[in-house]
Amino acid sequence: MKGSPSFIDLAAVEAWDAWFRWRQAGGELRDISIADTWKRVAHTLASAESEQDAAAFERQLNEAFEGWRLLPDETVLATAGTGTASWPDDGLVAVLNLATFVKLPGTPDASVDWSGIEATADLAVHALDNAMMLASPVHAVPGLHMRVGFIGLADALLLLGERYDSAYGRRLGHDMAQCLAVGCLRGSLRLARERGVRCELSGHSTLSYKLRQISETQAEEAALTGLRHARLTAITSQPRLALFANNVADAIDPLSVKGNLHTIDNGHTSRAVASLGYALELLRRRNASVASPFAPPRHAAESVEVQMDMRAAMQMWIDQPILYPMASPPPKKVGAMA
């Protein structure tokens, strides 16, 4: 499923230029296009691979980036390959963009690429493990964790023609979270075999339960050999990554019913850009017509209730509690990167 390293949203272009485009001292542009950004990040993360595996892994990463299926941590995205790379070796984030896993979007035959979600989650674990090794070459400290999550859930539901506040919409959210967990755990097992164990399964009863639900064979292997990472999945607010990814909904928020004006601030300049958002723009370009995926709430409490229902549907497969602030009525404003 090859992608194209292009934007379809003006706000996303501004987000890239403000936060993630490489400029040298004096403002000289080094990332001429978004393809340059993806290449430098993929090349840097692949440098943690063995010589015989580096080229293949770089291609795999670059394809996932270009297809907007996977976005790495903001600090990795902004500094990898710039000569001033700087990110921590713990708590790094990667997000899967669920909108890009909808096949035949906006048609009666629209469906979810379930195997693609699993494979990309596995790749996310591998990419973050590489980033951790690059940040700390010794990389033997136990207890490190990563946060692999989602953006674009509401866009995916719209492209599937499903309502965010429906029972089936919540079922899809649950199944997507399960796919994320399956892919992340497979990646953790594979890396434990290839690079070494950093986490014993004993003492992680919830993780043991998830593994048994996925595969008894894999649960037995993990019990015997351990895992590379124990804390893998977390759904957290990532507004900059969501805006950069052609303006999909943040994390597992519903589609915005608050207007389409975004303020992008990089600490030096601030620009206001109007945007429909990824799913609506894609459907507009394809002249597609689908049922409304979200009935605008009559008041904020109703909106919070539907978001709580979605979080509850997904939580069992997510390692950390989904506690980021819920979407609220005021218009979005995305601030400068810390």
Protein backbone atom coordinates (compact mmCIF):
# COMPACT_ATOMS: atom_id res chain seq x y z
CA MET A 1 0.00 0.00 0.00
CA LYS A 2 2.31 2.73 -1.24
CA GLY A 3 1.65 6.34 -0.40
CA SER A 4 2.55 9.69 -1.89
CA PRO A 5 4.68 12.22 -0.01
CA SER A 6 2.24 15.04 -0.67
CA PHE A 7 -0.10 17.31 1.26
CA ILE A 8 -3.79 17.78 0.59
CA ASP A 9 -4.29 20.35 3.36
CA LEU A 10 -2.88 23.88 3.55
CA ALA A 11 -2.87 23.91 7.36
CA ALA A 12 -0.69 20.78 7.28
CA VAL A 13 1.83 22.50 5.01
CA GLU A 14 2.03 25.39 7.47
CA ALA A 15 2.46 22.97 10.38
CA TRP A 16 5.34 21.22 8.61
CA ASP A 17 7.02 24.51 7.76
CA ALA A 18 6.61 25.86 11.30
CA TRP A 19 7.63 22.84 13.35
CA PHE A 20 9.30 20.05 11.39
CA ARG A 21 11.04 21.49 8.33
CA TRP A 22 14.83 21.55 8.66
CA ARG A 23 16.43 24.97 8.40
CA GLN A 24 20.06 25.59 9.12
CA ALA A 25 21.34 28.62 11.00
CA GLY A 26 20.42 31.72 9.07
CA GLY A 27 17.26 30.15 7.74
CA GLU A 28 18.77 28.11 4.88
CA LEU A 29 16.26 25.44 3.87
CA ARG A 30 17.51 21.86 3.91
CA ASP A 31 14.12 20.15 3.63
CA ILE A 32 13.04 21.45 0.24
CA SER A 33 9.99 19.17 0.21
CA ILE A 34 8.21 16.89 2.64
CA ALA A 35 9.95 13.97 0.90
CA ASP A 36 13.27 15.36 2.21
CA THR A 37 11.90 15.35 5.76
CA TRP A 38 10.80 11.74 5.51
CA LYS A 39 14.10 10.65 3.98
CA ARG A 40 16.27 12.22 6.67
CA VAL A 41 14.15 10.76 9.49
CA ALA A 42 14.00 7.28 7.94
CA HIS A 43 17.73 7.31 7.18
CA THR A 44 18.60 8.35 10.73
CA LEU A 45 16.40 5.72 12.39
CA ALA A 46 17.73 3.05 10.02
CA SER A 47 21.28 3.87 11.09
CA ALA A 48 20.63 1.83 14.26
CA GLU A 49 20.24 -1.30 12.10
CA SER A 50 22.98 -3.70 11.10
CA GLU A 51 24.71 -2.87 7.82
CA GLN A 52 22.87 -5.62 5.94
CA ASP A 53 19.44 -4.59 7.25
CA ALA A 54 19.68 -0.79 7.17
CA ALA A 55 18.65 -0.18 3.55
CA ALA A 56 15.57 -2.42 3.69
CA PHE A 57 14.42 -0.94 6.99
CA GLU A 58 14.90 2.60 5.67
CA ARG A 59 12.71 1.80 2.66
CA GLN A 60 10.04 0.29 4.88
CA LEU A 61 9.99 3.31 7.16
CA ASN A 62 10.03 5.80 4.31
CA GLU A 63 7.06 4.09 2.68
CA ALA A 64 5.06 4.23 5.93
CA PHE A 65 5.96 7.90 6.41
CA GLU A 66 5.13 8.88 2.82
CA GLY A 67 1.78 7.13 3.08
CA TRP A 68 1.08 9.16 6.28
CA ARG A 69 0.43 5.86 8.05
CA LEU A 70 3.08 6.34 10.73
CA LEU A 71 4.38 9.52 12.35
CA PRO A 72 7.29 9.47 14.81
CA ASP A 73 7.81 11.55 17.92
CA GLU A 74 7.85 15.32 17.36
CA THR A 75 11.43 15.62 18.60
CA VAL A 76 12.59 12.86 16.24
CA LEU A 77 10.70 14.37 13.34
CA ALA A 78 12.16 17.83 13.95
CA THR A 79 15.80 16.94 14.68
CA ALA A 80 16.71 13.54 13.18
CA GLY A 81 19.51 13.88 10.66
CA THR A 82 20.03 17.59 11.28
CA GLY A 83 23.34 17.34 13.09
CA THR A 84 21.66 18.56 16.27
CA ALA A 85 19.52 15.49 16.96
CA SER A 86 18.05 15.61 20.44
CA TRP A 87 15.43 13.35 21.96
CA PRO A 88 15.09 11.32 25.17
CA ASP A 89 15.64 7.57 25.41
CA ASP A 90 12.36 7.07 27.28
CA GLY A 91 8.72 7.95 26.69
CA LEU A 92 9.00 8.52 22.95
CA VAL A 93 5.75 8.69 20.95
CA ALA A 94 4.69 7.31 17.58
CA VAL A 95 1.18 7.48 16.16
CA LEU A 96 -0.67 5.48 13.54
CA ASN A 97 -2.93 7.61 11.35
CA LEU A 98 -6.11 5.53 11.21
CA ALA A 99 -7.57 7.55 8.34
CA THR A 100 -4.96 6.06 6.00
CA PHE A 101 -5.99 2.47 6.75
CA VAL A 102 -9.42 2.86 5.12
CA LYS A 103 -9.60 1.12 1.77
CA LEU A 104 -11.95 2.55 -0.89
CA PRO A 105 -12.85 5.50 1.37
CA GLY A 106 -16.20 7.17 0.89
CA THR A 107 -17.68 4.27 -1.07
CA PRO A 108 -20.15 1.51 -0.12
CA ASP A 109 -17.20 -0.92 -0.25
CA ALA A 110 -15.05 1.03 2.24
CA SER A 111 -13.24 -1.26 4.70
CA VAL A 112 -10.40 -1.29 7.22
CA ASP A 113 -6.94 -2.64 6.43
CA TRP A 114 -6.64 -4.59 9.66
CA SER A 115 -3.39 -6.35 8.74
CA GLY A 116 -1.93 -2.97 7.81
CA ILE A 117 -2.65 -1.57 11.28
CA GLU A 118 -0.94 -4.56 12.92
CA ALA A 119 2.10 -4.39 10.64
CA THR A 120 2.49 -0.64 11.12
CA ALA A 121 2.21 -0.98 14.92
CA ASP A 122 5.03 -3.56 14.78
CA LEU A 123 7.06 -1.13 12.66
CA ALA A 124 6.37 1.69 15.14
CA VAL A 125 7.81 -0.37 18.01
CA HIS A 126 10.90 -1.13 15.91
CA ALA A 127 11.36 2.52 14.92
CA LEU A 128 11.05 3.78 18.49
CA ASP A 129 13.41 1.07 19.75
CA ASN A 130 15.95 2.34 17.21
CA ALA A 131 15.38 5.91 18.36
CA MET A 132 15.96 4.84 21.97
CA MET A 133 19.19 3.08 21.01
CA LEU A 134 20.41 6.15 19.13
CA ALA A 135 19.61 8.34 22.14
CA SER A 136 21.37 5.99 24.55
CA PRO A 137 23.74 3.52 22.84
CA VAL A 138 24.11 1.38 25.99
CA HIS A 139 20.31 1.05 26.12
CA ALA A 140 20.34 -1.51 28.91
CA VAL A 141 18.22 0.34 31.43
CA PRO A 142 15.15 -1.68 32.43
CA GLY A 143 11.74 -0.08 32.67
CA LEU A 144 11.93 2.17 29.62
CA HIS A 145 8.65 2.54 27.83
CA MET A 146 7.27 3.94 24.61
CA ARG A 147 3.88 5.30 23.66
CA VAL A 148 2.38 4.01 20.42
CA GLY A 149 -1.07 5.45 19.78
CA PHE A 150 -3.52 6.82 17.24
CA ILE A 151 -4.60 9.93 15.42
CA GLY A 152 -7.43 10.21 12.88
CA LEU A 153 -9.98 7.80 14.35
CA ALA A 154 -12.91 10.12 13.58
CA ASP A 155 -11.66 10.65 10.02
CA ALA A 156 -11.48 6.90 9.52
CA LEU A 157 -15.06 6.49 10.72
CA LEU A 158 -16.28 9.21 8.36
CA LEU A 159 -14.48 7.59 5.42
CA LEU A 160 -16.13 4.29 6.38
CA GLY A 161 -19.55 6.00 6.56
CA GLU A 162 -19.93 5.17 10.25
CA ARG A 163 -21.02 7.44 13.10
CA TYR A 164 -18.60 8.21 15.91
CA ASP A 165 -21.41 8.02 18.47
CA SER A 166 -22.84 4.68 17.28
CA ALA A 167 -22.41 1.25 18.84
CA TYR A 168 -20.75 0.04 15.64
CA GLY A 169 -18.43 3.05 15.63
CA ARG A 170 -17.33 2.12 19.13
CA ARG A 171 -16.88 -1.50 18.04
CA LEU A 172 -14.58 -0.37 15.26
CA GLY A 173 -12.62 1.70 17.79
CA HIS A 174 -12.30 -1.35 20.04
CA ASP A 175 -11.07 -3.52 17.16
CA MET A 176 -8.56 -0.91 16.02
CA ALA A 177 -7.16 -0.71 19.56
CA GLN A 178 -6.89 -4.50 19.61
CA CYS A 179 -4.97 -4.46 16.31
CA LEU A 180 -2.63 -1.85 17.76
CA ALA A 181 -1.96 -4.04 20.80
CA VAL A 182 -1.41 -7.14 18.66
CA GLY A 183 1.10 -5.40 16.40
CA CYS A 184 2.97 -3.77 19.28
CA LEU A 185 3.26 -7.02 21.24
CA ARG A 186 4.47 -8.89 18.17
CA GLY A 187 7.10 -6.24 17.64
CA SER A 188 8.17 -6.45 21.26
CA LEU A 189 8.52 -10.25 21.07
CA ARG A 190 10.45 -10.11 17.81
CA LEU A 191 12.86 -7.48 19.11
CA ALA A 192 13.35 -9.45 22.33
CA ARG A 193 14.55 -12.38 20.21
CA GLU A 194 16.74 -10.20 18.01
CA ARG A 195 18.10 -7.63 20.48
CA GLY A 196 17.58 -8.97 23.95
CA VAL A 197 14.98 -9.04 26.69
CA ARG A 198 14.47 -6.00 28.90
CA CYS A 199 11.21 -6.99 30.56
CA GLU A 200 10.13 -10.18 32.29
CA LEU A 201 6.45 -10.99 31.91
CA SER A 202 6.05 -11.92 35.55
CA GLY A 203 4.57 -9.01 37.42
CA HIS A 204 2.62 -7.81 34.38
CA SER A 205 -0.67 -9.65 34.80
CA THR A 206 -2.65 -7.35 32.50
CA LEU A 207 -0.08 -7.78 29.76
CA SER A 208 -0.14 -11.55 30.24
CA TYR A 209 -3.92 -11.52 29.82
CA LYS A 210 -3.69 -9.52 26.59
CA LEU A 211 -1.11 -11.89 25.19
CA ARG A 212 -3.28 -14.90 25.96
CA GLN A 213 -6.21 -13.24 24.20
CA ILE A 214 -4.03 -12.68 21.15
CA SER A 215 -2.13 -15.98 20.97
CA GLU A 216 -1.49 -18.73 23.49
CA THR A 217 1.72 -19.57 21.64
CA GLN A 218 3.03 -16.03 21.89
CA ALA A 219 1.94 -15.83 25.53
CA GLU A 220 3.96 -18.97 26.29
CA GLU A 221 6.99 -17.60 24.43
CA ALA A 222 6.80 -14.31 26.32
CA ALA A 223 6.45 -16.10 29.65
CA LEU A 224 9.60 -18.10 28.91
CA THR A 225 11.77 -15.47 27.27
CA GLY A 226 10.32 -12.07 28.19
CA LEU A 227 9.65 -9.00 26.08
CA ARG A 228 11.64 -6.08 24.76
CA HIS A 229 9.07 -3.56 26.05
CA ALA A 230 6.21 -3.92 28.52
CA ARG A 231 4.50 -0.51 28.31
CA LEU A 232 3.74 -0.03 24.64
CA THR A 233 0.36 1.48 23.88
CA ALA A 234 -0.89 4.89 24.98
CA ILE A 235 -3.42 7.23 23.42
CA THR A 236 -2.38 10.78 24.11
CA SER A 237 -3.20 14.15 22.59
CA GLN A 238 -0.87 14.91 19.67
CA PRO A 239 -2.33 18.07 18.10
CA ARG A 240 0.78 19.01 16.12
CA LEU A 241 1.18 15.56 14.60
CA ALA A 242 -2.55 15.42 13.80
CA LEU A 243 -2.44 18.80 12.07
CA PHE A 244 0.74 17.88 10.21
CA ALA A 245 -0.87 14.62 8.98
CA ASN A 246 -3.14 16.56 6.63
CA ASN A 247 -5.26 17.77 9.54
CA VAL A 248 -6.89 14.63 10.89
CA ALA A 249 -8.72 14.60 14.22
CA ASP A 250 -6.40 14.52 17.22
CA ALA A 251 -6.00 11.13 18.90
CA ILE A 252 -9.46 9.54 19.23
CA ASP A 253 -11.40 12.82 19.38
CA PRO A 254 -14.61 13.24 17.34
CA LEU A 255 -14.54 15.39 14.24
CA SER A 256 -14.52 19.06 15.07
CA VAL A 257 -17.89 20.79 15.26
CA LYS A 258 -16.19 24.03 16.31
CA GLY A 259 -15.14 25.56 13.00
CA ASN A 260 -12.15 25.06 10.74
CA LEU A 261 -9.72 27.86 11.57
CA HIS A 262 -6.31 26.78 12.92
CA THR A 263 -3.67 29.08 14.39
CA ILE A 264 -0.13 27.79 13.88
CA ASP A 265 2.51 29.37 16.07
CA ASN A 266 6.22 28.48 16.00
CA GLY A 267 7.27 30.98 18.64
CA HIS A 268 8.33 33.56 16.05
CA THR A 269 5.40 33.87 13.67
CA SER A 270 1.73 32.98 13.87
CA ARG A 271 -0.59 32.17 10.98
CA ALA A 272 -4.31 31.44 10.86
CA VAL A 273 -5.33 28.91 8.20
CA ALA A 274 -8.79 27.64 7.27
CA SER A 275 -9.13 23.92 6.59
CA LEU A 276 -11.93 21.39 6.16
CA GLY A 277 -9.90 18.57 7.70
CA TYR A 278 -8.53 15.45 6.02
CA ALA A 279 -11.63 13.30 5.66
CA LEU A 280 -13.96 16.04 4.47
CA GLU A 281 -11.36 17.35 2.02
CA LEU A 282 -10.73 13.85 0.64
CA LEU A 283 -14.44 13.24 0.17
CA ARG A 284 -14.87 16.66 -1.45
CA ARG A 285 -12.13 15.88 -3.96
CA ARG A 286 -13.72 12.53 -4.77
CA ASN A 287 -17.23 13.96 -4.93
CA ALA A 288 -18.23 11.27 -2.44
CA SER A 289 -21.40 11.40 -0.38
CA VAL A 290 -21.73 9.58 2.92
CA ALA A 291 -24.01 9.86 5.93
CA SER A 292 -22.94 12.27 8.65
CA PRO A 293 -20.65 10.40 11.06
CA PHE A 294 -21.34 12.59 14.03
CA ALA A 295 -24.46 14.37 15.18
CA PRO A 296 -23.24 17.73 16.58
CA PRO A 297 -23.83 17.72 20.33
CA ARG A 298 -26.54 19.92 21.77
CA HIS A 299 -24.20 20.88 24.57
CA ALA A 300 -20.69 20.11 25.81
CA ALA A 301 -21.77 17.43 28.29
CA GLU A 302 -23.24 15.32 25.48
CA SER A 303 -19.97 15.59 23.55
CA VAL A 304 -18.01 14.48 26.61
CA GLU A 305 -20.33 11.51 27.10
CA VAL A 306 -19.76 10.20 23.57
CA GLN A 307 -16.01 10.62 23.94
CA MET A 308 -16.09 8.74 27.25
CA ASP A 309 -17.99 5.90 25.58
CA MET A 310 -15.36 5.65 22.85
CA ARG A 311 -12.51 5.67 25.37
CA ALA A 312 -14.21 2.94 27.39
CA ALA A 313 -14.58 0.82 24.26
CA MET A 314 -10.84 1.02 23.51
CA GLN A 315 -9.27 1.11 26.98
CA MET A 316 -8.85 -2.64 27.62
CA TRP A 317 -6.27 -2.88 24.80
CA ILE A 318 -4.36 0.27 25.78
CA ASP A 319 -1.61 -0.10 28.37
CA GLN A 320 -1.96 3.34 29.91
CA PRO A 321 -5.21 5.06 30.95
CA ILE A 322 -6.70 7.32 28.28
CA LEU A 323 -6.75 10.49 30.32
CA TYR A 324 -5.83 13.36 28.01
CA PRO A 325 -8.34 16.27 28.07
CA MET A 326 -11.44 15.73 25.98
CA ALA A 327 -12.29 17.90 22.99
CA SER A 328 -14.13 21.02 24.06
CA PRO A 329 -16.21 23.65 22.22
CA PRO A 330 -13.63 26.48 21.73
CA PRO A 331 -11.88 26.65 18.32
CA LYS A 332 -8.58 24.84 17.99
CA LYS A 333 -5.37 26.72 18.57
CA VAL A 334 -2.12 24.81 18.21
CA GLY A 335 0.80 26.45 19.98
CA ALA A 336 4.54 26.51 19.42
CA MET A 337 6.57 23.36 20.01
CA ALA A 338 8.08 23.29 23.45
